[in-house]
Each structure stands twice: as structure tokens, then as C-alpha cells.
Amino acid sequence: MVLAVDNEPSPRSKRAAILQAAVEFFGEVGYEHTKWSAVADRVGIGQTALYHYFESKAHCLLTIMHLELQRSWERFREAALELPPEQALVAGISTAFAVTDHEVLQMRILHSHMDMLATARTSDREEEERRASRRLVRQIEGEWSALLDRGMKDGTFDRADATTMGRAVLGLIVSVWTWYRPGGPMSLTAVSEFIEACVLRMVGVEARLPVSARSSRRPRKARTRS
């Protein structure tokens, strides 16, 4: 018996294609400057078909933000959850920057529109995505703070308020996505090394110099007294 092949893309695959196109537009052109019809054209569907998956451009944006927070949270847990504090901190930072160009766009979108999570939405579907994103923000902040608190208690890190320090560390990490551009003068590897060194100093651990800095650093000449 030969099974008929359905060449029509499934609703799920259309949703994924819409999200991918939206990420490209929102990340490169900007959310405010992206026409909803342009996303439909990129996917190859009519504009009215978009509303089967997302009731508005804002609903699509909030969905992208929710998915990016979920991805970041899961990768952090996978990389750092069961390691000793300093190793976990370094692994968490390294994982934050081990991303594709497409994920860079997703993070740029997320951190450019965090203000959208502050106010309740009138649409039920938008509000569902907003609340899910807010829960993930709290979980991410909580787990980074718990990691730092663990290191403070065992003497790995300097004593401080773990919640404040966790937010400060995360703030430094996510600030990268406001200025970093793939193909720019600084590679993600160099960015990761730089942020790692800054964070280790923040928590009281003597930061290791990046490989690039070590290789270019020349020993100082001994001074002679006249």
C-alpha cells in the first residue's frame, strides 16, 4: 500500500516559519518598523492567515520573548546546575554567548522590549505570553542568585546581597545584546572572555586574563634607580 504524501506544510511548521521571519524582521529592521504584511510575504501566506497563529504583531513579539527566555533558562540549567559555584558561574556565562546569529537576533528583540512585560495586556493570548515570560524572568534571576548565594556561603565569592548581585551579573550579560553585531570588530568569544573577567571581579574572584590578552602582554622592564 502506498501512502499519499501531503505536501502542504503543517500548521506547526507555518507557525515556526512565521516566528523565524518575524525574528529576522524585528531583529534587523525593528519591531516598530516591521509591517505585519511583510512577515506574511516572507513566509508566502496571505496576511489574514497570520491571524490563525498570532492575533497581532504584539502577540507574535511576546511569543518570541517567551521562547527566548525559555531557551536561555533551559541552557543555563543544563550547563551550570550541578557544578561547583565558580565553574557554574563560568559555564553560565559561556553558555549565554554560545549562540547562533539567529539567537542573537532573538536576544536583541527580548532585551529591547522588556518593558512590554511590565503592564497587563488586554488580549488574553498576549497576556498569557506576558505572564509566562514574567515567570521565566523570576526563575532565571532566582537561579543565578541562588548560584551566587551558594558560592558566598562556601567562601568562593565575596559576601554580598545575592539577589542584587544576581541582577547585576545578568544586567551586564544581557547588555551585550544592545550593541553586539555578528561580524563586528569583537567576536563572541572575545565578548564572553571579557564579560567573564568582569563578573569574576564583581564576585571577588581573581579574574583570569583572556588568552588574547595573555599572548599580547609583554613583561615590563625592571626600573633602575638613578
N, C-alpha and C. Protein backbone atom coordinates (compact mmCIF):
# COMPACT_ATOMS: atom_id res chain seq x y z
N MET A 1 0.85 -1.20 0.00
CA MET A 1 0.00 0.00 0.00
C MET A 1 0.89 1.24 0.00
N VAL A 2 0.61 2.19 -0.89
CA VAL A 2 1.38 3.42 -0.98
C VAL A 2 0.61 4.53 -0.27
N LEU A 3 1.28 5.17 0.69
CA LEU A 3 0.65 6.26 1.42
C LEU A 3 0.77 7.55 0.63
N ALA A 4 -0.30 8.31 0.58
CA ALA A 4 -0.27 9.62 -0.08
C ALA A 4 0.56 10.59 0.75
N VAL A 5 1.35 11.41 0.08
CA VAL A 5 2.19 12.38 0.77
C VAL A 5 1.51 13.74 0.73
N ASP A 6 1.32 14.32 1.91
CA ASP A 6 0.72 15.65 2.00
C ASP A 6 1.83 16.68 1.89
N ASN A 7 1.84 17.41 0.77
CA ASN A 7 2.89 18.39 0.56
C ASN A 7 2.61 19.73 1.25
N GLU A 8 1.40 19.88 1.78
CA GLU A 8 1.07 21.13 2.45
C GLU A 8 1.79 21.19 3.80
N PRO A 9 2.43 22.31 4.12
CA PRO A 9 3.08 22.41 5.42
C PRO A 9 2.06 22.35 6.53
N SER A 10 2.42 21.71 7.65
CA SER A 10 1.51 21.60 8.78
C SER A 10 1.35 22.95 9.44
N PRO A 11 0.26 23.11 10.22
CA PRO A 11 0.11 24.37 10.95
C PRO A 11 1.31 24.69 11.83
N ARG A 12 1.90 23.66 12.43
CA ARG A 12 3.05 23.88 13.28
C ARG A 12 4.23 24.43 12.48
N SER A 13 4.46 23.88 11.30
CA SER A 13 5.59 24.34 10.50
C SER A 13 5.36 25.78 10.02
N LYS A 14 4.10 26.14 9.75
CA LYS A 14 3.81 27.52 9.37
C LYS A 14 4.08 28.45 10.55
N ARG A 15 3.72 28.02 11.73
CA ARG A 15 3.96 28.84 12.92
C ARG A 15 5.46 29.07 13.10
N ALA A 16 6.24 28.00 12.93
CA ALA A 16 7.69 28.13 13.07
C ALA A 16 8.26 29.07 12.01
N ALA A 17 7.74 28.97 10.79
CA ALA A 17 8.22 29.83 9.71
C ALA A 17 7.85 31.29 9.98
N ILE A 18 6.67 31.52 10.52
CA ILE A 18 6.25 32.88 10.86
C ILE A 18 7.16 33.45 11.94
N LEU A 19 7.45 32.64 12.96
CA LEU A 19 8.32 33.10 14.05
C LEU A 19 9.72 33.42 13.53
N GLN A 20 10.23 32.57 12.65
CA GLN A 20 11.57 32.81 12.10
C GLN A 20 11.61 34.11 11.29
N ALA A 21 10.61 34.31 10.47
CA ALA A 21 10.56 35.53 9.66
C ALA A 21 10.40 36.76 10.55
N ALA A 22 9.58 36.64 11.59
CA ALA A 22 9.37 37.76 12.50
C ALA A 22 10.65 38.11 13.24
N VAL A 23 11.39 37.10 13.68
CA VAL A 23 12.67 37.35 14.35
C VAL A 23 13.61 38.12 13.43
N GLU A 24 13.67 37.70 12.18
CA GLU A 24 14.56 38.37 11.22
C GLU A 24 14.16 39.84 11.03
N PHE A 25 12.87 40.09 10.88
CA PHE A 25 12.41 41.46 10.68
C PHE A 25 12.56 42.29 11.95
N PHE A 26 12.07 41.77 13.08
CA PHE A 26 12.11 42.53 14.33
C PHE A 26 13.56 42.80 14.75
N GLY A 27 14.44 41.82 14.51
CA GLY A 27 15.82 41.96 14.94
C GLY A 27 16.65 42.86 14.04
N GLU A 28 16.33 42.89 12.76
CA GLU A 28 17.14 43.66 11.81
C GLU A 28 16.51 45.02 11.49
N VAL A 29 15.21 45.05 11.27
CA VAL A 29 14.53 46.29 10.90
C VAL A 29 14.00 47.01 12.13
N GLY A 30 13.61 46.23 13.14
CA GLY A 30 12.98 46.78 14.33
C GLY A 30 11.51 46.44 14.37
N TYR A 31 11.00 46.16 15.56
CA TYR A 31 9.60 45.78 15.71
C TYR A 31 8.66 46.87 15.20
N GLU A 32 8.92 48.10 15.61
CA GLU A 32 8.04 49.20 15.26
C GLU A 32 8.00 49.45 13.75
N HIS A 33 9.10 49.18 13.06
CA HIS A 33 9.20 49.47 11.63
C HIS A 33 8.83 48.27 10.76
N THR A 34 8.51 47.14 11.38
CA THR A 34 8.14 45.95 10.61
C THR A 34 6.65 45.95 10.32
N LYS A 35 6.31 45.80 9.05
CA LYS A 35 4.91 45.66 8.67
C LYS A 35 4.51 44.20 8.79
N TRP A 36 3.36 43.97 9.39
CA TRP A 36 2.87 42.60 9.59
C TRP A 36 2.71 41.90 8.25
N SER A 37 2.35 42.65 7.23
CA SER A 37 2.19 42.07 5.89
C SER A 37 3.52 41.59 5.33
N ALA A 38 4.64 42.24 5.72
CA ALA A 38 5.95 41.83 5.23
C ALA A 38 6.31 40.45 5.77
N VAL A 39 5.91 40.15 7.00
CA VAL A 39 6.15 38.82 7.57
C VAL A 39 5.38 37.78 6.78
N ALA A 40 4.12 38.08 6.46
CA ALA A 40 3.32 37.15 5.67
C ALA A 40 3.94 36.90 4.30
N ASP A 41 4.42 37.96 3.67
CA ASP A 41 5.05 37.82 2.36
C ASP A 41 6.30 36.94 2.45
N ARG A 42 7.10 37.12 3.50
CA ARG A 42 8.32 36.32 3.65
C ARG A 42 7.99 34.83 3.78
N VAL A 43 6.90 34.53 4.48
CA VAL A 43 6.50 33.13 4.70
C VAL A 43 5.79 32.57 3.48
N GLY A 44 5.19 33.45 2.68
CA GLY A 44 4.46 33.00 1.50
C GLY A 44 3.01 32.68 1.77
N ILE A 45 2.40 33.41 2.71
CA ILE A 45 0.99 33.21 3.02
C ILE A 45 0.30 34.57 2.98
N GLY A 46 -1.02 34.54 2.94
CA GLY A 46 -1.78 35.77 2.99
C GLY A 46 -1.75 36.38 4.38
N GLN A 47 -1.92 37.70 4.46
CA GLN A 47 -1.84 38.36 5.76
C GLN A 47 -2.91 37.86 6.72
N THR A 48 -4.10 37.55 6.20
CA THR A 48 -5.17 37.07 7.08
C THR A 48 -4.82 35.73 7.70
N ALA A 49 -3.98 34.94 7.01
CA ALA A 49 -3.58 33.64 7.56
C ALA A 49 -2.72 33.79 8.82
N LEU A 50 -2.03 34.92 8.94
CA LEU A 50 -1.21 35.14 10.15
C LEU A 50 -2.06 35.10 11.41
N TYR A 51 -3.29 35.58 11.29
CA TYR A 51 -4.13 35.70 12.47
C TYR A 51 -4.66 34.35 12.97
N HIS A 52 -4.43 33.32 12.18
CA HIS A 52 -4.75 31.98 12.68
C HIS A 52 -3.75 31.55 13.75
N TYR A 53 -2.55 32.10 13.68
CA TYR A 53 -1.48 31.72 14.61
C TYR A 53 -1.20 32.78 15.66
N PHE A 54 -1.26 34.04 15.24
CA PHE A 54 -0.98 35.15 16.15
C PHE A 54 -2.03 36.23 15.91
N GLU A 55 -2.68 36.64 16.97
CA GLU A 55 -3.79 37.59 16.79
C GLU A 55 -3.31 39.00 16.52
N SER A 56 -2.02 39.24 16.72
CA SER A 56 -1.48 40.58 16.48
C SER A 56 0.03 40.50 16.37
N LYS A 57 0.63 41.56 15.90
CA LYS A 57 2.09 41.64 15.85
C LYS A 57 2.66 41.60 17.27
N ALA A 58 1.97 42.23 18.22
CA ALA A 58 2.41 42.22 19.62
C ALA A 58 2.37 40.81 20.20
N HIS A 59 1.34 40.04 19.83
CA HIS A 59 1.25 38.65 20.29
C HIS A 59 2.44 37.84 19.78
N CYS A 60 2.83 38.07 18.54
CA CYS A 60 3.99 37.38 17.98
C CYS A 60 5.27 37.79 18.71
N LEU A 61 5.41 39.08 18.97
CA LEU A 61 6.59 39.56 19.70
C LEU A 61 6.68 38.95 21.09
N LEU A 62 5.58 38.92 21.82
CA LEU A 62 5.58 38.36 23.17
C LEU A 62 5.88 36.86 23.15
N THR A 63 5.43 36.19 22.09
CA THR A 63 5.74 34.76 21.95
C THR A 63 7.24 34.56 21.73
N ILE A 64 7.85 35.39 20.89
CA ILE A 64 9.29 35.32 20.67
C ILE A 64 10.04 35.54 21.97
N MET A 65 9.61 36.51 22.75
CA MET A 65 10.25 36.81 24.03
C MET A 65 10.14 35.63 24.99
N HIS A 66 8.95 35.03 25.06
CA HIS A 66 8.73 33.87 25.92
C HIS A 66 9.63 32.71 25.51
N LEU A 67 9.70 32.43 24.22
CA LEU A 67 10.51 31.31 23.74
C LEU A 67 12.00 31.54 23.99
N GLU A 68 12.45 32.77 23.85
CA GLU A 68 13.86 33.08 24.09
C GLU A 68 14.20 32.94 25.57
N LEU A 69 13.34 33.41 26.44
CA LEU A 69 13.56 33.23 27.88
C LEU A 69 13.59 31.75 28.24
N GLN A 70 12.71 30.97 27.66
CA GLN A 70 12.68 29.53 27.92
C GLN A 70 13.98 28.88 27.46
N ARG A 71 14.45 29.25 26.28
CA ARG A 71 15.70 28.69 25.76
C ARG A 71 16.87 29.05 26.67
N SER A 72 16.96 30.30 27.06
CA SER A 72 18.07 30.75 27.91
C SER A 72 18.06 30.05 29.26
N TRP A 73 16.88 29.92 29.83
CA TRP A 73 16.74 29.26 31.14
C TRP A 73 17.16 27.80 31.06
N GLU A 74 16.68 27.08 30.05
CA GLU A 74 17.00 25.66 29.92
C GLU A 74 18.49 25.45 29.68
N ARG A 75 19.11 26.29 28.87
CA ARG A 75 20.55 26.13 28.60
C ARG A 75 21.39 26.43 29.84
N PHE A 76 20.98 27.43 30.60
CA PHE A 76 21.70 27.74 31.83
C PHE A 76 21.63 26.55 32.79
N ARG A 77 20.46 25.99 32.98
CA ARG A 77 20.29 24.85 33.89
C ARG A 77 21.12 23.66 33.43
N GLU A 78 21.08 23.40 32.14
CA GLU A 78 21.82 22.27 31.59
C GLU A 78 23.33 22.43 31.78
N ALA A 79 23.81 23.67 31.64
CA ALA A 79 25.26 23.91 31.69
C ALA A 79 25.79 24.03 33.10
N ALA A 80 25.01 24.60 34.02
CA ALA A 80 25.59 25.06 35.28
C ALA A 80 25.00 24.48 36.55
N LEU A 81 23.90 23.79 36.47
CA LEU A 81 23.13 23.50 37.68
C LEU A 81 23.89 22.70 38.72
N GLU A 82 24.68 21.70 38.32
CA GLU A 82 25.28 20.80 39.30
C GLU A 82 26.78 20.99 39.47
N LEU A 83 27.33 22.07 38.96
CA LEU A 83 28.76 22.33 39.07
C LEU A 83 29.08 23.12 40.34
N PRO A 84 30.33 23.07 40.82
CA PRO A 84 30.75 23.95 41.92
C PRO A 84 30.55 25.40 41.51
N PRO A 85 30.40 26.32 42.49
CA PRO A 85 29.98 27.70 42.18
C PRO A 85 30.80 28.41 41.12
N GLU A 86 32.14 28.42 41.22
CA GLU A 86 32.91 29.17 40.24
C GLU A 86 32.78 28.55 38.85
N GLN A 87 32.85 27.22 38.77
CA GLN A 87 32.71 26.56 37.48
C GLN A 87 31.32 26.79 36.90
N ALA A 88 30.30 26.78 37.76
CA ALA A 88 28.93 27.01 37.31
C ALA A 88 28.76 28.43 36.78
N LEU A 89 29.39 29.39 37.46
CA LEU A 89 29.30 30.78 37.01
C LEU A 89 29.94 30.96 35.65
N VAL A 90 31.14 30.39 35.48
CA VAL A 90 31.83 30.49 34.19
C VAL A 90 31.04 29.77 33.10
N ALA A 91 30.48 28.59 33.43
CA ALA A 91 29.69 27.84 32.45
C ALA A 91 28.44 28.60 32.05
N GLY A 92 27.79 29.26 33.02
CA GLY A 92 26.59 30.03 32.72
C GLY A 92 26.89 31.19 31.78
N ILE A 93 28.01 31.87 32.02
CA ILE A 93 28.39 32.98 31.15
C ILE A 93 28.75 32.48 29.76
N SER A 94 29.55 31.41 29.71
CA SER A 94 29.96 30.85 28.42
C SER A 94 28.75 30.41 27.61
N THR A 95 27.78 29.78 28.27
CA THR A 95 26.57 29.31 27.58
C THR A 95 25.75 30.47 27.05
N ALA A 96 25.73 31.58 27.78
CA ALA A 96 24.96 32.76 27.35
C ALA A 96 25.44 33.28 26.01
N PHE A 97 26.72 33.07 25.71
CA PHE A 97 27.29 33.61 24.47
C PHE A 97 27.57 32.53 23.42
N ALA A 98 27.22 31.28 23.71
CA ALA A 98 27.37 30.20 22.74
C ALA A 98 26.08 30.12 21.92
N VAL A 99 25.90 31.07 21.02
CA VAL A 99 24.64 31.22 20.32
C VAL A 99 24.86 31.41 18.82
N THR A 100 23.80 31.15 18.07
CA THR A 100 23.82 31.37 16.62
C THR A 100 23.46 32.82 16.32
N ASP A 101 23.67 33.24 15.09
CA ASP A 101 23.29 34.60 14.68
C ASP A 101 21.79 34.82 14.85
N HIS A 102 21.00 33.77 14.59
CA HIS A 102 19.54 33.89 14.74
C HIS A 102 19.18 34.09 16.21
N GLU A 103 19.86 33.38 17.10
CA GLU A 103 19.60 33.55 18.53
C GLU A 103 20.05 34.92 19.02
N VAL A 104 21.09 35.47 18.41
CA VAL A 104 21.49 36.84 18.73
C VAL A 104 20.33 37.80 18.45
N LEU A 105 19.66 37.62 17.32
CA LEU A 105 18.51 38.47 17.00
C LEU A 105 17.40 38.29 18.03
N GLN A 106 17.15 37.04 18.43
CA GLN A 106 16.10 36.78 19.42
C GLN A 106 16.39 37.51 20.73
N MET A 107 17.66 37.48 21.15
CA MET A 107 18.02 38.14 22.40
C MET A 107 17.96 39.66 22.27
N ARG A 108 18.33 40.16 21.11
CA ARG A 108 18.22 41.60 20.87
C ARG A 108 16.77 42.04 20.98
N ILE A 109 15.87 41.26 20.40
CA ILE A 109 14.44 41.55 20.47
C ILE A 109 13.96 41.50 21.92
N LEU A 110 14.32 40.44 22.62
CA LEU A 110 13.88 40.27 24.01
C LEU A 110 14.28 41.46 24.87
N HIS A 111 15.55 41.81 24.84
CA HIS A 111 16.04 42.82 25.77
C HIS A 111 15.76 44.25 25.31
N SER A 112 15.30 44.40 24.07
CA SER A 112 14.87 45.72 23.62
C SER A 112 13.42 46.01 24.00
N HIS A 113 12.68 44.95 24.40
CA HIS A 113 11.25 45.12 24.65
C HIS A 113 10.82 44.57 26.01
N MET A 114 11.74 44.52 26.96
CA MET A 114 11.40 44.03 28.29
C MET A 114 10.32 44.87 28.96
N ASP A 115 10.20 46.13 28.56
CA ASP A 115 9.17 46.99 29.14
C ASP A 115 7.77 46.48 28.87
N MET A 116 7.60 45.67 27.82
CA MET A 116 6.28 45.13 27.50
C MET A 116 5.78 44.15 28.56
N LEU A 117 6.70 43.63 29.36
CA LEU A 117 6.31 42.66 30.39
C LEU A 117 5.78 43.33 31.65
N ALA A 118 5.89 44.64 31.72
CA ALA A 118 5.54 45.36 32.95
C ALA A 118 4.05 45.60 33.11
N THR A 119 3.33 45.67 32.00
CA THR A 119 1.92 46.07 32.03
C THR A 119 1.04 44.99 31.45
N ALA A 120 -0.08 44.72 32.12
CA ALA A 120 -1.02 43.69 31.67
C ALA A 120 -1.56 44.03 30.28
N ARG A 121 -1.78 43.01 29.49
CA ARG A 121 -2.32 43.18 28.14
C ARG A 121 -3.83 42.97 28.16
N THR A 122 -4.52 43.62 27.28
CA THR A 122 -5.98 43.47 27.22
C THR A 122 -6.38 42.18 26.51
N SER A 123 -5.53 41.69 25.64
CA SER A 123 -5.79 40.43 24.92
C SER A 123 -5.40 39.24 25.79
N ASP A 124 -6.26 38.23 25.84
CA ASP A 124 -5.98 37.03 26.64
C ASP A 124 -4.72 36.31 26.17
N ARG A 125 -4.56 36.18 24.86
CA ARG A 125 -3.41 35.43 24.33
C ARG A 125 -2.11 36.20 24.55
N GLU A 126 -2.15 37.50 24.39
CA GLU A 126 -0.96 38.31 24.68
C GLU A 126 -0.63 38.25 26.18
N GLU A 127 -1.65 38.32 27.03
CA GLU A 127 -1.42 38.28 28.47
C GLU A 127 -0.86 36.93 28.92
N GLU A 128 -1.29 35.87 28.26
CA GLU A 128 -0.75 34.54 28.59
C GLU A 128 0.76 34.49 28.33
N GLU A 129 1.19 35.03 27.19
CA GLU A 129 2.61 35.03 26.87
C GLU A 129 3.38 35.98 27.81
N ARG A 130 2.78 37.11 28.14
CA ARG A 130 3.44 38.06 29.04
C ARG A 130 3.65 37.44 30.42
N ARG A 131 2.65 36.79 30.96
CA ARG A 131 2.76 36.17 32.29
C ARG A 131 3.78 35.03 32.29
N ALA A 132 3.77 34.25 31.22
CA ALA A 132 4.75 33.16 31.13
C ALA A 132 6.17 33.72 31.09
N SER A 133 6.35 34.83 30.39
CA SER A 133 7.67 35.47 30.32
C SER A 133 8.09 36.02 31.67
N ARG A 134 7.17 36.64 32.38
CA ARG A 134 7.49 37.18 33.70
C ARG A 134 7.89 36.08 34.68
N ARG A 135 7.21 34.94 34.60
CA ARG A 135 7.58 33.80 35.45
C ARG A 135 8.99 33.33 35.16
N LEU A 136 9.33 33.29 33.88
CA LEU A 136 10.68 32.85 33.50
C LEU A 136 11.74 33.85 33.94
N VAL A 137 11.43 35.15 33.85
CA VAL A 137 12.38 36.16 34.33
C VAL A 137 12.67 35.93 35.80
N ARG A 138 11.64 35.69 36.59
CA ARG A 138 11.82 35.44 38.03
C ARG A 138 12.63 34.16 38.27
N GLN A 139 12.35 33.12 37.47
CA GLN A 139 13.10 31.87 37.63
C GLN A 139 14.57 32.05 37.28
N ILE A 140 14.84 32.76 36.20
CA ILE A 140 16.23 32.99 35.78
C ILE A 140 16.97 33.80 36.83
N GLU A 141 16.38 34.90 37.27
CA GLU A 141 17.01 35.72 38.31
C GLU A 141 17.21 34.90 39.58
N GLY A 142 16.22 34.08 39.94
CA GLY A 142 16.32 33.27 41.15
C GLY A 142 17.44 32.25 41.10
N GLU A 143 17.62 31.62 39.95
CA GLU A 143 18.65 30.58 39.86
C GLU A 143 20.05 31.17 39.80
N TRP A 144 20.21 32.31 39.11
CA TRP A 144 21.52 32.97 39.13
C TRP A 144 21.85 33.46 40.54
N SER A 145 20.86 34.01 41.24
CA SER A 145 21.08 34.48 42.60
C SER A 145 21.39 33.31 43.53
N ALA A 146 20.71 32.19 43.35
CA ALA A 146 20.96 31.01 44.17
C ALA A 146 22.37 30.48 43.95
N LEU A 147 22.84 30.51 42.72
CA LEU A 147 24.21 30.09 42.42
C LEU A 147 25.21 30.99 43.15
N LEU A 148 24.99 32.29 43.08
CA LEU A 148 25.91 33.23 43.75
C LEU A 148 25.83 33.06 45.27
N ASP A 149 24.64 32.85 45.79
CA ASP A 149 24.47 32.65 47.23
C ASP A 149 25.23 31.40 47.68
N ARG A 150 25.17 30.36 46.88
CA ARG A 150 25.90 29.12 47.21
C ARG A 150 27.39 29.38 47.28
N GLY A 151 27.90 30.17 46.32
CA GLY A 151 29.32 30.50 46.32
C GLY A 151 29.71 31.40 47.47
N MET A 152 28.82 32.30 47.86
CA MET A 152 29.10 33.18 49.01
C MET A 152 29.15 32.38 50.31
N LYS A 153 28.26 31.41 50.44
CA LYS A 153 28.21 30.62 51.67
C LYS A 153 29.41 29.71 51.83
N ASP A 154 29.97 29.21 50.72
CA ASP A 154 31.13 28.31 50.86
C ASP A 154 32.46 29.06 50.73
N GLY A 155 32.40 30.40 50.62
CA GLY A 155 33.62 31.20 50.59
C GLY A 155 34.24 31.40 49.23
N THR A 156 33.60 30.87 48.18
CA THR A 156 34.14 31.06 46.84
C THR A 156 34.02 32.51 46.40
N PHE A 157 32.89 33.14 46.71
CA PHE A 157 32.63 34.52 46.33
C PHE A 157 32.58 35.41 47.57
N ASP A 158 32.83 36.70 47.35
CA ASP A 158 32.69 37.67 48.44
C ASP A 158 31.25 37.74 48.90
N ARG A 159 31.07 38.02 50.18
CA ARG A 159 29.72 38.18 50.73
C ARG A 159 29.07 39.45 50.18
N ALA A 160 27.82 39.32 49.80
CA ALA A 160 27.03 40.46 49.30
C ALA A 160 25.57 40.01 49.30
N ASP A 161 24.69 40.91 48.89
CA ASP A 161 23.30 40.51 48.72
C ASP A 161 23.19 39.73 47.41
N ALA A 162 22.84 38.45 47.52
CA ALA A 162 22.88 37.57 46.35
C ALA A 162 21.86 37.99 45.28
N THR A 163 20.71 38.48 45.70
CA THR A 163 19.69 38.89 44.73
C THR A 163 20.17 40.09 43.91
N THR A 164 20.71 41.09 44.62
CA THR A 164 21.22 42.28 43.92
C THR A 164 22.38 41.91 43.01
N MET A 165 23.29 41.07 43.51
CA MET A 165 24.43 40.66 42.69
C MET A 165 23.97 39.86 41.48
N GLY A 166 22.99 38.99 41.67
CA GLY A 166 22.47 38.21 40.55
C GLY A 166 21.91 39.10 39.45
N ARG A 167 21.16 40.12 39.86
CA ARG A 167 20.60 41.04 38.87
C ARG A 167 21.70 41.85 38.19
N ALA A 168 22.72 42.22 38.96
CA ALA A 168 23.83 42.99 38.38
C ALA A 168 24.59 42.16 37.35
N VAL A 169 24.84 40.90 37.67
CA VAL A 169 25.54 40.00 36.74
C VAL A 169 24.72 39.80 35.48
N LEU A 170 23.43 39.52 35.64
CA LEU A 170 22.57 39.33 34.47
C LEU A 170 22.49 40.61 33.64
N GLY A 171 22.42 41.76 34.33
CA GLY A 171 22.36 43.03 33.61
C GLY A 171 23.58 43.25 32.73
N LEU A 172 24.76 42.87 33.25
CA LEU A 172 25.98 43.01 32.47
C LEU A 172 25.96 42.08 31.26
N ILE A 173 25.52 40.85 31.47
CA ILE A 173 25.49 39.87 30.38
C ILE A 173 24.54 40.32 29.28
N VAL A 174 23.31 40.67 29.64
CA VAL A 174 22.31 40.97 28.61
C VAL A 174 22.54 42.32 27.95
N SER A 175 23.33 43.20 28.58
CA SER A 175 23.62 44.49 27.95
C SER A 175 24.37 44.32 26.64
N VAL A 176 25.05 43.19 26.48
CA VAL A 176 25.81 42.93 25.26
C VAL A 176 24.91 42.97 24.03
N TRP A 177 23.67 42.51 24.18
CA TRP A 177 22.81 42.37 23.00
C TRP A 177 22.30 43.70 22.49
N THR A 178 22.53 44.79 23.21
CA THR A 178 22.16 46.11 22.70
C THR A 178 23.19 46.65 21.71
N TRP A 179 24.44 46.13 21.79
CA TRP A 179 25.48 46.68 20.91
C TRP A 179 26.20 45.65 20.06
N TYR A 180 26.18 44.39 20.45
CA TYR A 180 26.91 43.38 19.68
C TYR A 180 26.22 43.13 18.33
N ARG A 181 27.04 43.03 17.28
CA ARG A 181 26.55 42.66 15.96
C ARG A 181 27.46 41.59 15.37
N PRO A 182 26.89 40.48 14.85
CA PRO A 182 27.71 39.46 14.21
C PRO A 182 28.55 40.07 13.10
N GLY A 183 29.82 39.67 13.04
CA GLY A 183 30.71 40.20 12.03
C GLY A 183 31.33 41.53 12.39
N GLY A 184 31.04 42.01 13.60
CA GLY A 184 31.61 43.27 14.05
C GLY A 184 33.06 43.11 14.49
N PRO A 185 33.64 44.17 15.05
CA PRO A 185 35.07 44.14 15.41
C PRO A 185 35.40 43.20 16.56
N MET A 186 34.41 42.79 17.36
CA MET A 186 34.66 41.93 18.51
C MET A 186 33.89 40.63 18.35
N SER A 187 34.58 39.49 18.43
CA SER A 187 33.93 38.20 18.29
C SER A 187 33.18 37.85 19.57
N LEU A 188 32.25 36.93 19.47
CA LEU A 188 31.51 36.50 20.66
C LEU A 188 32.44 35.81 21.66
N THR A 189 33.46 35.14 21.17
CA THR A 189 34.43 34.52 22.07
C THR A 189 35.13 35.59 22.90
N ALA A 190 35.55 36.66 22.25
CA ALA A 190 36.20 37.76 22.97
C ALA A 190 35.24 38.44 23.93
N VAL A 191 33.99 38.60 23.51
CA VAL A 191 32.98 39.19 24.39
C VAL A 191 32.79 38.32 25.63
N SER A 192 32.67 37.01 25.41
CA SER A 192 32.47 36.08 26.52
C SER A 192 33.63 36.14 27.52
N GLU A 193 34.85 36.18 27.01
CA GLU A 193 36.02 36.26 27.89
C GLU A 193 36.04 37.56 28.68
N PHE A 194 35.68 38.65 28.02
CA PHE A 194 35.68 39.94 28.68
C PHE A 194 34.62 39.99 29.79
N ILE A 195 33.40 39.53 29.49
CA ILE A 195 32.33 39.54 30.49
C ILE A 195 32.66 38.61 31.64
N GLU A 196 33.24 37.45 31.32
CA GLU A 196 33.64 36.51 32.38
C GLU A 196 34.61 37.17 33.34
N ALA A 197 35.62 37.85 32.81
CA ALA A 197 36.61 38.52 33.66
C ALA A 197 35.94 39.59 34.53
N CYS A 198 35.02 40.35 33.96
CA CYS A 198 34.32 41.40 34.71
C CYS A 198 33.48 40.80 35.84
N VAL A 199 32.75 39.73 35.53
CA VAL A 199 31.88 39.11 36.53
C VAL A 199 32.69 38.49 37.66
N LEU A 200 33.80 37.84 37.32
CA LEU A 200 34.63 37.24 38.36
C LEU A 200 35.18 38.31 39.31
N ARG A 201 35.53 39.45 38.75
CA ARG A 201 35.96 40.55 39.62
C ARG A 201 34.81 41.04 40.51
N MET A 202 33.62 41.10 39.95
CA MET A 202 32.46 41.56 40.71
C MET A 202 32.21 40.69 41.93
N VAL A 203 32.42 39.38 41.79
CA VAL A 203 32.12 38.46 42.89
C VAL A 203 33.34 38.17 43.75
N GLY A 204 34.47 38.82 43.44
CA GLY A 204 35.63 38.70 44.30
C GLY A 204 36.59 37.59 43.95
N VAL A 205 36.48 37.05 42.74
CA VAL A 205 37.41 36.01 42.28
C VAL A 205 38.42 36.66 41.37
N GLU A 206 39.69 36.36 41.57
CA GLU A 206 40.72 36.93 40.70
C GLU A 206 40.48 36.45 39.29
N ALA A 207 40.20 37.39 38.41
CA ALA A 207 39.85 37.04 37.04
C ALA A 207 41.07 36.56 36.26
N ARG A 208 40.83 35.55 35.45
CA ARG A 208 41.89 35.08 34.57
C ARG A 208 41.93 35.95 33.32
N LEU A 209 43.11 36.29 32.88
CA LEU A 209 43.23 37.08 31.65
C LEU A 209 42.81 36.24 30.46
N PRO A 210 42.07 36.81 29.50
CA PRO A 210 41.76 36.08 28.27
C PRO A 210 43.03 35.66 27.55
N VAL A 211 42.92 34.62 26.78
CA VAL A 211 44.07 34.11 26.03
C VAL A 211 44.68 35.21 25.17
N SER A 212 43.82 36.01 24.50
CA SER A 212 44.32 37.06 23.62
C SER A 212 45.13 38.09 24.40
N ALA A 213 44.67 38.38 25.63
CA ALA A 213 45.39 39.37 26.44
C ALA A 213 46.71 38.80 26.93
N ARG A 214 46.72 37.51 27.28
CA ARG A 214 47.96 36.89 27.76
C ARG A 214 49.01 36.87 26.67
N SER A 215 48.59 36.55 25.45
CA SER A 215 49.56 36.40 24.37
C SER A 215 50.16 37.74 23.95
N SER A 216 49.38 38.82 24.15
CA SER A 216 49.87 40.13 23.71
C SER A 216 50.55 40.91 24.82
N ARG A 217 50.46 40.38 26.03
CA ARG A 217 51.01 41.14 27.14
C ARG A 217 52.53 40.94 27.23
N ARG A 218 53.26 42.03 27.29
CA ARG A 218 54.71 41.94 27.36
C ARG A 218 55.18 42.22 28.78
N PRO A 219 56.20 41.49 29.24
CA PRO A 219 56.70 41.75 30.58
C PRO A 219 57.29 43.16 30.67
N ARG A 220 57.06 43.80 31.81
CA ARG A 220 57.60 45.14 31.98
C ARG A 220 59.10 45.07 32.28
N LYS A 221 59.81 46.07 31.80
CA LYS A 221 61.23 46.15 32.09
C LYS A 221 61.44 46.62 33.53
N ALA A 222 62.43 46.05 34.17
CA ALA A 222 62.72 46.44 35.53
C ALA A 222 63.22 47.88 35.55
N ARG A 223 62.70 48.64 36.51
CA ARG A 223 63.14 50.02 36.62
C ARG A 223 64.48 50.10 37.35
N THR A 224 65.31 50.97 36.91
CA THR A 224 66.59 51.17 37.59
C THR A 224 66.60 52.52 38.29
N ARG A 225 67.11 52.53 39.44
CA ARG A 225 67.17 53.79 40.20
C ARG A 225 68.37 54.60 39.74
N SER A 226 68.17 55.88 39.56
CA SER A 226 69.29 56.76 39.16
C SER A 226 70.06 57.20 40.39
